Amino acid sequence: METVKLKPKINLGFEEAQELATEEARKHLKEPMTLSWLDRKVDRHFPNVDCCQEDGKDSWDIYAESRGGNVRIEVGEWYVFIFRKSSITQ
């Protein structure tokens, strides 16, 4: 999985970080689709599954990998978003 680390100069909220991550994902994928995310500020993740933890990886991380996630965008120290190319064509 490709990992991109963004270091914003200002403190971002979740929605701003998600927008920034999606913009960056568009540089790597034609139609990025968010598979999972982590918000360390409030200790939340999506999907909210608590199974399948292995090799030091969290369940939301494994979920995205097992569904084709191939671009991981880390926004500062607080947010992580995992994307894959959308299977929906327009």
PDB file of N, CA and C in Angstrom:
ATOM      1  N   MET A   1       0.841  -1.171   0.000  1.00  0.00           N
ATOM      2  CA  MET A   1       0.000   0.000   0.000  1.00  0.00           C
ATOM      3  C   MET A   1       0.889   1.238   0.000  1.00  0.00           C
ATOM      4  N   GLU A   2       0.550   2.168  -0.848  1.00  0.00           N
ATOM      5  CA  GLU A   2       1.280   3.431  -0.911  1.00  0.00           C
ATOM      6  C   GLU A   2       0.830   4.329   0.239  1.00  0.00           C
ATOM      7  N   THR A   3       1.768   4.950   0.931  1.00  0.00           N
ATOM      8  CA  THR A   3       1.450   5.853   2.033  1.00  0.00           C
ATOM      9  C   THR A   3       1.946   7.251   1.705  1.00  0.00           C
ATOM     10  N   VAL A   4       1.055   8.222   1.879  1.00  0.00           N
ATOM     11  CA  VAL A   4       1.384   9.633   1.673  1.00  0.00           C
ATOM     12  C   VAL A   4       1.158  10.344   2.999  1.00  0.00           C
ATOM     13  N   LYS A   5       2.158  11.088   3.444  1.00  0.00           N
ATOM     14  CA  LYS A   5       2.049  11.827   4.699  1.00  0.00           C
ATOM     15  C   LYS A   5       1.964  13.314   4.396  1.00  0.00           C
ATOM     16  N   LEU A   6       0.843  13.907   4.781  1.00  0.00           N
ATOM     17  CA  LEU A   6       0.640  15.339   4.597  1.00  0.00           C
ATOM     18  C   LEU A   6       0.864  16.033   5.931  1.00  0.00           C
ATOM     19  N   LYS A   7       1.528  17.159   5.871  1.00  0.00           N
ATOM     20  CA  LYS A   7       1.812  17.918   7.089  1.00  0.00           C
ATOM     21  C   LYS A   7       1.224  19.311   6.949  1.00  0.00           C
ATOM     22  N   PRO A   8      -0.064  19.459   7.258  1.00  0.00           N
ATOM     23  CA  PRO A   8      -0.678  20.784   7.142  1.00  0.00           C
ATOM     24  C   PRO A   8      -0.071  21.761   8.138  1.00  0.00           C
ATOM     25  N   LYS A   9      -0.043  23.022   7.745  1.00  0.00           N
ATOM     26  CA  LYS A   9       0.557  24.056   8.597  1.00  0.00           C
ATOM     27  C   LYS A   9      -0.402  24.553   9.669  1.00  0.00           C
ATOM     28  N   ILE A  10      -1.673  24.182   9.530  1.00  0.00           N
ATOM     29  CA  ILE A  10      -2.660  24.597  10.524  1.00  0.00           C
ATOM     30  C   ILE A  10      -3.334  23.359  11.105  1.00  0.00           C
ATOM     31  N   ASN A  11      -3.958  23.538  12.262  1.00  0.00           N
ATOM     32  CA  ASN A  11      -4.675  22.457  12.917  1.00  0.00           C
ATOM     33  C   ASN A  11      -6.022  22.269  12.215  1.00  0.00           C
ATOM     34  N   LEU A  12      -6.254  21.108  11.646  1.00  0.00           N
ATOM     35  CA  LEU A  12      -7.470  20.849  10.889  1.00  0.00           C
ATOM     36  C   LEU A  12      -8.470  20.036  11.694  1.00  0.00           C
ATOM     37  N   GLY A  13      -9.744  20.273  11.412  1.00  0.00           N
ATOM     38  CA  GLY A  13     -10.801  19.425  11.929  1.00  0.00           C
ATOM     39  C   GLY A  13     -10.946  18.217  11.023  1.00  0.00           C
ATOM     40  N   PHE A  14     -11.790  17.276  11.424  1.00  0.00           N
ATOM     41  CA  PHE A  14     -11.943  16.039  10.665  1.00  0.00           C
ATOM     42  C   PHE A  14     -12.386  16.289   9.227  1.00  0.00           C
ATOM     43  N   GLU A  15     -13.411  17.093   9.024  1.00  0.00           N
ATOM     44  CA  GLU A  15     -13.935  17.325   7.671  1.00  0.00           C
ATOM     45  C   GLU A  15     -12.895  17.989   6.775  1.00  0.00           C
ATOM     46  N   GLU A  16     -12.152  18.932   7.304  1.00  0.00           N
ATOM     47  CA  GLU A  16     -11.092  19.586   6.519  1.00  0.00           C
ATOM     48  C   GLU A  16      -9.993  18.578   6.165  1.00  0.00           C
ATOM     49  N   ALA A  17      -9.639  17.738   7.116  1.00  0.00           N
ATOM     50  CA  ALA A  17      -8.616  16.718   6.858  1.00  0.00           C
ATOM     51  C   ALA A  17      -9.095  15.728   5.816  1.00  0.00           C
ATOM     52  N   GLN A  18     -10.374  15.367   5.881  1.00  0.00           N
ATOM     53  CA  GLN A  18     -10.932  14.426   4.907  1.00  0.00           C
ATOM     54  C   GLN A  18     -10.910  15.026   3.504  1.00  0.00           C
ATOM     55  N   GLU A  19     -11.263  16.299   3.385  1.00  0.00           N
ATOM     56  CA  GLU A  19     -11.217  16.977   2.082  1.00  0.00           C
ATOM     57  C   GLU A  19      -9.791  17.008   1.539  1.00  0.00           C
ATOM     58  N   LEU A  20      -8.840  17.343   2.382  1.00  0.00           N
ATOM     59  CA  LEU A  20      -7.440  17.390   1.977  1.00  0.00           C
ATOM     60  C   LEU A  20      -6.962  16.005   1.537  1.00  0.00           C
ATOM     61  N   ALA A  21      -7.323  14.985   2.290  1.00  0.00           N
ATOM     62  CA  ALA A  21      -6.924  13.618   1.950  1.00  0.00           C
ATOM     63  C   ALA A  21      -7.545  13.177   0.628  1.00  0.00           C
ATOM     64  N   THR A  22      -8.791  13.525   0.403  1.00  0.00           N
ATOM     65  CA  THR A  22      -9.462  13.157  -0.847  1.00  0.00           C
ATOM     66  C   THR A  22      -8.810  13.855  -2.033  1.00  0.00           C
ATOM     67  N   GLU A  23      -8.464  15.118  -1.871  1.00  0.00           N
ATOM     68  CA  GLU A  23      -7.758  15.847  -2.936  1.00  0.00           C
ATOM     69  C   GLU A  23      -6.442  15.156  -3.273  1.00  0.00           C
ATOM     70  N   GLU A  24      -5.709  14.755  -2.245  1.00  0.00           N
ATOM     71  CA  GLU A  24      -4.438  14.066  -2.465  1.00  0.00           C
ATOM     72  C   GLU A  24      -4.665  12.701  -3.111  1.00  0.00           C
ATOM     73  N   ALA A  25      -5.689  11.996  -2.685  1.00  0.00           N
ATOM     74  CA  ALA A  25      -5.983  10.674  -3.258  1.00  0.00           C
ATOM     75  C   ALA A  25      -6.283  10.780  -4.751  1.00  0.00           C
ATOM     76  N   ARG A  26      -6.888  11.883  -5.174  1.00  0.00           N
ATOM     77  CA  ARG A  26      -7.185  12.081  -6.608  1.00  0.00           C
ATOM     78  C   ARG A  26      -5.918  12.191  -7.453  1.00  0.00           C
ATOM     79  N   LYS A  27      -4.805  12.490  -6.821  1.00  0.00           N
ATOM     80  CA  LYS A  27      -3.531  12.534  -7.542  1.00  0.00           C
ATOM     81  C   LYS A  27      -3.004  11.124  -7.801  1.00  0.00           C
ATOM     82  N   HIS A  28      -3.520  10.147  -7.067  1.00  0.00           N
ATOM     83  CA  HIS A  28      -3.026   8.772  -7.143  1.00  0.00           C
ATOM     84  C   HIS A  28      -4.051   7.806  -7.729  1.00  0.00           C
ATOM     85  N   LEU A  29      -5.326   8.165  -7.646  1.00  0.00           N
ATOM     86  CA  LEU A  29      -6.417   7.312  -8.118  1.00  0.00           C
ATOM     87  C   LEU A  29      -7.398   8.155  -8.915  1.00  0.00           C
ATOM     88  N   LYS A  30      -7.903   7.598 -10.001  1.00  0.00           N
ATOM     89  CA  LYS A  30      -8.823   8.357 -10.843  1.00  0.00           C
ATOM     90  C   LYS A  30     -10.112   8.708 -10.103  1.00  0.00           C
ATOM     91  N   GLU A  31     -10.719   7.753  -9.454  1.00  0.00           N
ATOM     92  CA  GLU A  31     -11.966   7.980  -8.722  1.00  0.00           C
ATOM     93  C   GLU A  31     -11.822   7.377  -7.324  1.00  0.00           C
ATOM     94  N   PRO A  32     -11.180   8.087  -6.399  1.00  0.00           N
ATOM     95  CA  PRO A  32     -10.932   7.500  -5.082  1.00  0.00           C
ATOM     96  C   PRO A  32     -12.211   7.299  -4.275  1.00  0.00           C
ATOM     97  N   MET A  33     -12.248   6.189  -3.566  1.00  0.00           N
ATOM     98  CA  MET A  33     -13.348   5.877  -2.669  1.00  0.00           C
ATOM     99  C   MET A  33     -12.755   5.624  -1.283  1.00  0.00           C
ATOM    100  N   THR A  34     -13.278   6.289  -0.286  1.00  0.00           N
ATOM    101  CA  THR A  34     -12.797   6.096   1.083  1.00  0.00           C
ATOM    102  C   THR A  34     -13.313   4.766   1.607  1.00  0.00           C
ATOM    103  N   LEU A  35     -12.385   3.918   2.047  1.00  0.00           N
ATOM    104  CA  LEU A  35     -12.758   2.631   2.626  1.00  0.00           C
ATOM    105  C   LEU A  35     -12.782   2.666   4.141  1.00  0.00           C
ATOM    106  N   SER A  36     -11.849   3.385   4.722  1.00  0.00           N
ATOM    107  CA  SER A  36     -11.792   3.467   6.182  1.00  0.00           C
ATOM    108  C   SER A  36     -11.053   4.727   6.589  1.00  0.00           C
ATOM    109  N   TRP A  37     -11.218   5.088   7.863  1.00  0.00           N
ATOM    110  CA  TRP A  37     -10.518   6.252   8.396  1.00  0.00           C
ATOM    111  C   TRP A  37     -10.336   6.113   9.895  1.00  0.00           C
ATOM    112  N   LEU A  38      -9.395   6.907  10.397  1.00  0.00           N
ATOM    113  CA  LEU A  38      -9.096   6.975  11.823  1.00  0.00           C
ATOM    114  C   LEU A  38      -9.008   8.438  12.224  1.00  0.00           C
ATOM    115  N   ASP A  39      -9.677   8.782  13.313  1.00  0.00           N
ATOM    116  CA  ASP A  39      -9.613  10.124  13.890  1.00  0.00           C
ATOM    117  C   ASP A  39      -9.057   9.960  15.296  1.00  0.00           C
ATOM    118  N   ARG A  40      -7.779  10.218  15.453  1.00  0.00           N
ATOM    119  CA  ARG A  40      -7.130  10.036  16.757  1.00  0.00           C
ATOM    120  C   ARG A  40      -7.545  11.088  17.781  1.00  0.00           C
ATOM    121  N   LYS A  41      -8.007  12.238  17.298  1.00  0.00           N
ATOM    122  CA  LYS A  41      -8.414  13.299  18.231  1.00  0.00           C
ATOM    123  C   LYS A  41      -9.555  12.850  19.134  1.00  0.00           C
ATOM    124  N   VAL A  42     -10.481  12.090  18.575  1.00  0.00           N
ATOM    125  CA  VAL A  42     -11.644  11.648  19.354  1.00  0.00           C
ATOM    126  C   VAL A  42     -11.676  10.131  19.508  1.00  0.00           C
ATOM    127  N   ASP A  43     -10.598   9.477  19.092  1.00  0.00           N
ATOM    128  CA  ASP A  43     -10.466   8.028  19.217  1.00  0.00           C
ATOM    129  C   ASP A  43     -11.638   7.295  18.553  1.00  0.00           C
ATOM    130  N   ARG A  44     -11.875   7.630  17.260  1.00  0.00           N
ATOM    131  CA  ARG A  44     -12.926   6.975  16.474  1.00  0.00           C
ATOM    132  C   ARG A  44     -12.337   6.451  15.179  1.00  0.00           C
ATOM    133  N   HIS A  45     -12.968   5.422  14.661  1.00  0.00           N
ATOM    134  CA  HIS A  45     -12.559   4.895  13.360  1.00  0.00           C
ATOM    135  C   HIS A  45     -13.776   4.364  12.634  1.00  0.00           C
ATOM    136  N   PHE A  46     -13.635   4.241  11.328  1.00  0.00           N
ATOM    137  CA  PHE A  46     -14.679   3.680  10.488  1.00  0.00           C
ATOM    138  C   PHE A  46     -14.027   2.694   9.541  1.00  0.00           C
ATOM    139  N   PRO A  47     -14.610   1.542   9.343  1.00  0.00           N
ATOM    140  CA  PRO A  47     -15.833   1.076   9.984  1.00  0.00           C
ATOM    141  C   PRO A  47     -15.568   0.725  11.439  1.00  0.00           C
ATOM    142  N   ASN A  48     -16.626   0.759  12.211  1.00  0.00           N
ATOM    143  CA  ASN A  48     -16.526   0.495  13.641  1.00  0.00           C
ATOM    144  C   ASN A  48     -16.619  -1.012  13.882  1.00  0.00           C
ATOM    145  N   VAL A  49     -15.586  -1.711  13.472  1.00  0.00           N
ATOM    146  CA  VAL A  49     -15.517  -3.160  13.671  1.00  0.00           C
ATOM    147  C   VAL A  49     -14.390  -3.446  14.653  1.00  0.00           C
ATOM    148  N   ASP A  50     -14.578  -4.453  15.469  1.00  0.00           N
ATOM    149  CA  ASP A  50     -13.571  -4.793  16.472  1.00  0.00           C
ATOM    150  C   ASP A  50     -13.142  -6.247  16.353  1.00  0.00           C
ATOM    151  N   CYS A  51     -12.968  -6.692  15.136  1.00  0.00           N
ATOM    152  CA  CYS A  51     -12.496  -8.055  14.935  1.00  0.00           C
ATOM    153  C   CYS A  51     -11.245  -8.016  14.059  1.00  0.00           C
ATOM    154  N   CYS A  52     -10.670  -9.127  13.859  1.00  0.00           N
ATOM    155  CA  CYS A  52      -9.601  -9.287  12.863  1.00  0.00           C
ATOM    156  C   CYS A  52      -8.306  -8.546  13.178  1.00  0.00           C
ATOM    157  N   GLN A  53      -8.026  -8.220  14.416  1.00  0.00           N
ATOM    158  CA  GLN A  53      -6.773  -7.545  14.724  1.00  0.00           C
ATOM    159  C   GLN A  53      -5.638  -8.560  14.626  1.00  0.00           C
ATOM    160  N   GLU A  54      -4.600  -8.189  13.895  1.00  0.00           N
ATOM    161  CA  GLU A  54      -3.454  -9.078  13.716  1.00  0.00           C
ATOM    162  C   GLU A  54      -2.218  -8.261  13.387  1.00  0.00           C
ATOM    163  N   ASP A  55      -1.082  -8.817  13.657  1.00  0.00           N
ATOM    164  CA  ASP A  55       0.201  -8.209  13.296  1.00  0.00           C
ATOM    165  C   ASP A  55       0.305  -6.732  13.664  1.00  0.00           C
ATOM    166  N   GLY A  56      -0.286  -6.332  14.768  1.00  0.00           N
ATOM    167  CA  GLY A  56      -0.199  -4.947  15.200  1.00  0.00           C
ATOM    168  C   GLY A  56      -1.062  -3.992  14.403  1.00  0.00           C
ATOM    169  N   LYS A  57      -1.910  -4.499  13.516  1.00  0.00           N
ATOM    170  CA  LYS A  57      -2.801  -3.650  12.728  1.00  0.00           C
ATOM    171  C   LYS A  57      -4.171  -3.627  13.381  1.00  0.00           C
ATOM    172  N   ASP A  58      -4.827  -2.493  13.253  1.00  0.00           N
ATOM    173  CA  ASP A  58      -6.176  -2.356  13.786  1.00  0.00           C
ATOM    174  C   ASP A  58      -7.202  -2.883  12.787  1.00  0.00           C
ATOM    175  N   SER A  59      -8.396  -3.175  13.295  1.00  0.00           N
ATOM    176  CA  SER A  59      -9.445  -3.781  12.468  1.00  0.00           C
ATOM    177  C   SER A  59      -9.842  -2.893  11.289  1.00  0.00           C
ATOM    178  N   TRP A  60      -9.925  -1.572  11.470  1.00  0.00           N
ATOM    179  CA  TRP A  60     -10.315  -0.675  10.380  1.00  0.00           C
ATOM    180  C   TRP A  60      -9.263  -0.689   9.269  1.00  0.00           C
ATOM    181  N   ASP A  61      -7.997  -0.873   9.641  1.00  0.00           N
ATOM    182  CA  ASP A  61      -6.886  -0.930   8.686  1.00  0.00           C
ATOM    183  C   ASP A  61      -6.955  -2.238   7.884  1.00  0.00           C
ATOM    184  N   ILE A  62      -7.173  -3.331   8.574  1.00  0.00           N
ATOM    185  CA  ILE A  62      -7.289  -4.640   7.922  1.00  0.00           C
ATOM    186  C   ILE A  62      -8.509  -4.662   7.009  1.00  0.00           C
ATOM    187  N   TYR A  63      -9.604  -4.074   7.462  1.00  0.00           N
ATOM    188  CA  TYR A  63     -10.826  -3.995   6.654  1.00  0.00           C
ATOM    189  C   TYR A  63     -10.532  -3.361   5.290  1.00  0.00           C
ATOM    190  N   ALA A  64      -9.853  -2.214   5.306  1.00  0.00           N
ATOM    191  CA  ALA A  64      -9.561  -1.504   4.059  1.00  0.00           C
ATOM    192  C   ALA A  64      -8.617  -2.301   3.164  1.00  0.00           C
ATOM    193  N   GLU A  65      -7.583  -2.873   3.737  1.00  0.00           N
ATOM    194  CA  GLU A  65      -6.641  -3.676   2.945  1.00  0.00           C
ATOM    195  C   GLU A  65      -7.339  -4.850   2.279  1.00  0.00           C
ATOM    196  N   SER A  66      -8.213  -5.525   3.015  1.00  0.00           N
ATOM    197  CA  SER A  66      -8.880  -6.706   2.473  1.00  0.00           C
ATOM    198  C   SER A  66      -9.905  -6.353   1.405  1.00  0.00           C
ATOM    199  N   ARG A  67     -10.228  -5.085   1.269  1.00  0.00           N
ATOM    200  CA  ARG A  67     -11.181  -4.635   0.258  1.00  0.00           C
ATOM    201  C   ARG A  67     -10.521  -3.814  -0.843  1.00  0.00           C
ATOM    202  N   GLY A  68      -9.218  -3.964  -0.969  1.00  0.00           N
ATOM    203  CA  GLY A  68      -8.512  -3.346  -2.077  1.00  0.00           C
ATOM    204  C   GLY A  68      -7.935  -1.980  -1.813  1.00  0.00           C
ATOM    205  N   GLY A  69      -7.910  -1.548  -0.573  1.00  0.00           N
ATOM    206  CA  GLY A  69      -7.313  -0.249  -0.263  1.00  0.00           C
ATOM    207  C   GLY A  69      -5.853  -0.232  -0.659  1.00  0.00           C
ATOM    208  N   ASN A  70      -5.459   0.772  -1.422  1.00  0.00           N
ATOM    209  CA  ASN A  70      -4.072   0.806  -1.873  1.00  0.00           C
ATOM    210  C   ASN A  70      -3.409   2.176  -1.735  1.00  0.00           C
ATOM    211  N   VAL A  71      -4.141   3.159  -1.224  1.00  0.00           N
ATOM    212  CA  VAL A  71      -3.542   4.467  -0.960  1.00  0.00           C
ATOM    213  C   VAL A  71      -3.953   4.896   0.446  1.00  0.00           C
ATOM    214  N   ARG A  72      -2.950   5.117   1.279  1.00  0.00           N
ATOM    215  CA  ARG A  72      -3.153   5.537   2.674  1.00  0.00           C
ATOM    216  C   ARG A  72      -2.668   6.975   2.784  1.00  0.00           C
ATOM    217  N   ILE A  73      -3.559   7.863   3.202  1.00  0.00           N
ATOM    218  CA  ILE A  73      -3.206   9.272   3.357  1.00  0.00           C
ATOM    219  C   ILE A  73      -3.236   9.604   4.845  1.00  0.00           C
ATOM    220  N   GLU A  74      -2.104  10.024   5.375  1.00  0.00           N
ATOM    221  CA  GLU A  74      -2.016  10.440   6.772  1.00  0.00           C
ATOM    222  C   GLU A  74      -1.959  11.959   6.785  1.00  0.00           C
ATOM    223  N   VAL A  75      -2.876  12.557   7.515  1.00  0.00           N
ATOM    224  CA  VAL A  75      -2.954  14.018   7.592  1.00  0.00           C
ATOM    225  C   VAL A  75      -2.517  14.431   8.991  1.00  0.00           C
ATOM    226  N   GLY A  76      -1.311  14.957   9.071  1.00  0.00           N
ATOM    227  CA  GLY A  76      -0.748  15.304  10.367  1.00  0.00           C
ATOM    228  C   GLY A  76      -0.623  14.054  11.227  1.00  0.00           C
ATOM    229  N   GLU A  77      -0.701  14.245  12.524  1.00  0.00           N
ATOM    230  CA  GLU A  77      -0.599  13.122  13.459  1.00  0.00           C
ATOM    231  C   GLU A  77      -1.958  12.562  13.840  1.00  0.00           C
ATOM    232  N   TRP A  78      -3.045  13.214  13.397  1.00  0.00           N
ATOM    233  CA  TRP A  78      -4.354  12.892  13.933  1.00  0.00           C
ATOM    234  C   TRP A  78      -5.244  12.051  13.032  1.00  0.00           C
ATOM    235  N   TYR A  79      -5.067  12.113  11.713  1.00  0.00           N
ATOM    236  CA  TYR A  79      -6.037  11.488  10.817  1.00  0.00           C
ATOM    237  C   TYR A  79      -5.363  10.553   9.816  1.00  0.00           C
ATOM    238  N   VAL A  80      -6.062   9.453   9.524  1.00  0.00           N
ATOM    239  CA  VAL A  80      -5.613   8.503   8.501  1.00  0.00           C
ATOM    240  C   VAL A  80      -6.838   8.126   7.664  1.00  0.00           C
ATOM    241  N   PHE A  81      -6.672   8.124   6.342  1.00  0.00           N
ATOM    242  CA  PHE A  81      -7.735   7.738   5.417  1.00  0.00           C
ATOM    243  C   PHE A  81      -7.163   6.725   4.437  1.00  0.00           C
ATOM    244  N   ILE A  82      -7.911   5.671   4.161  1.00  0.00           N
ATOM    245  CA  ILE A  82      -7.468   4.665   3.200  1.00  0.00           C
ATOM    246  C   ILE A  82      -8.464   4.636   2.046  1.00  0.00           C
ATOM    247  N   PHE A  83      -7.924   4.694   0.835  1.00  0.00           N
ATOM    248  CA  PHE A  83      -8.708   4.779  -0.382  1.00  0.00           C
ATOM    249  C   PHE A  83      -8.401   3.626  -1.326  1.00  0.00           C
ATOM    250  N   ARG A  84      -9.341   3.418  -2.246  1.00  0.00           N
ATOM    251  CA  ARG A  84      -9.121   2.562  -3.410  1.00  0.00           C
ATOM    252  C   ARG A  84      -9.865   3.225  -4.566  1.00  0.00           C
ATOM    253  N   LYS A  85      -9.593   2.732  -5.755  1.00  0.00           N
ATOM    254  CA  LYS A  85     -10.299   3.245  -6.922  1.00  0.00           C
ATOM    255  C   LYS A  85     -11.752   2.797  -6.850  1.00  0.00           C
ATOM    256  N   SER A  86     -12.664   3.701  -7.107  1.00  0.00           N
ATOM    257  CA  SER A  86     -14.079   3.376  -7.084  1.00  0.00           C
ATOM    258  C   SER A  86     -14.412   2.399  -8.206  1.00  0.00           C
ATOM    259  N   SER A  87     -15.299   1.485  -7.939  1.00  0.00           N
ATOM    260  CA  SER A  87     -15.735   0.548  -8.971  1.00  0.00           C
ATOM    261  C   SER A  87     -16.942   1.077  -9.719  1.00  0.00           C
ATOM    262  N   ILE A  88     -17.412   2.251  -9.303  1.00  0.00           N
ATOM    263  CA  ILE A  88     -18.566   2.870  -9.965  1.00  0.00           C
ATOM    264  C   ILE A  88     -18.071   3.722 -11.129  1.00  0.00           C
ATOM    265  N   THR A  89     -18.630   3.513 -12.280  1.00  0.00           N
ATOM    266  CA  THR A  89     -18.268   4.335 -13.446  1.00  0.00           C
ATOM    267  C   THR A  89     -19.372   5.326 -13.719  1.00  0.00           C
ATOM    268  N   GLN A  90     -18.973   6.492 -14.159  1.00  0.00           N
ATOM    269  CA  GLN A  90     -19.970   7.539 -14.414  1.00  0.00           C
ATOM    270  C   GLN A  90     -20.069   7.829 -15.889  1.00  0.00           C
TER     271      GLN A  90
END
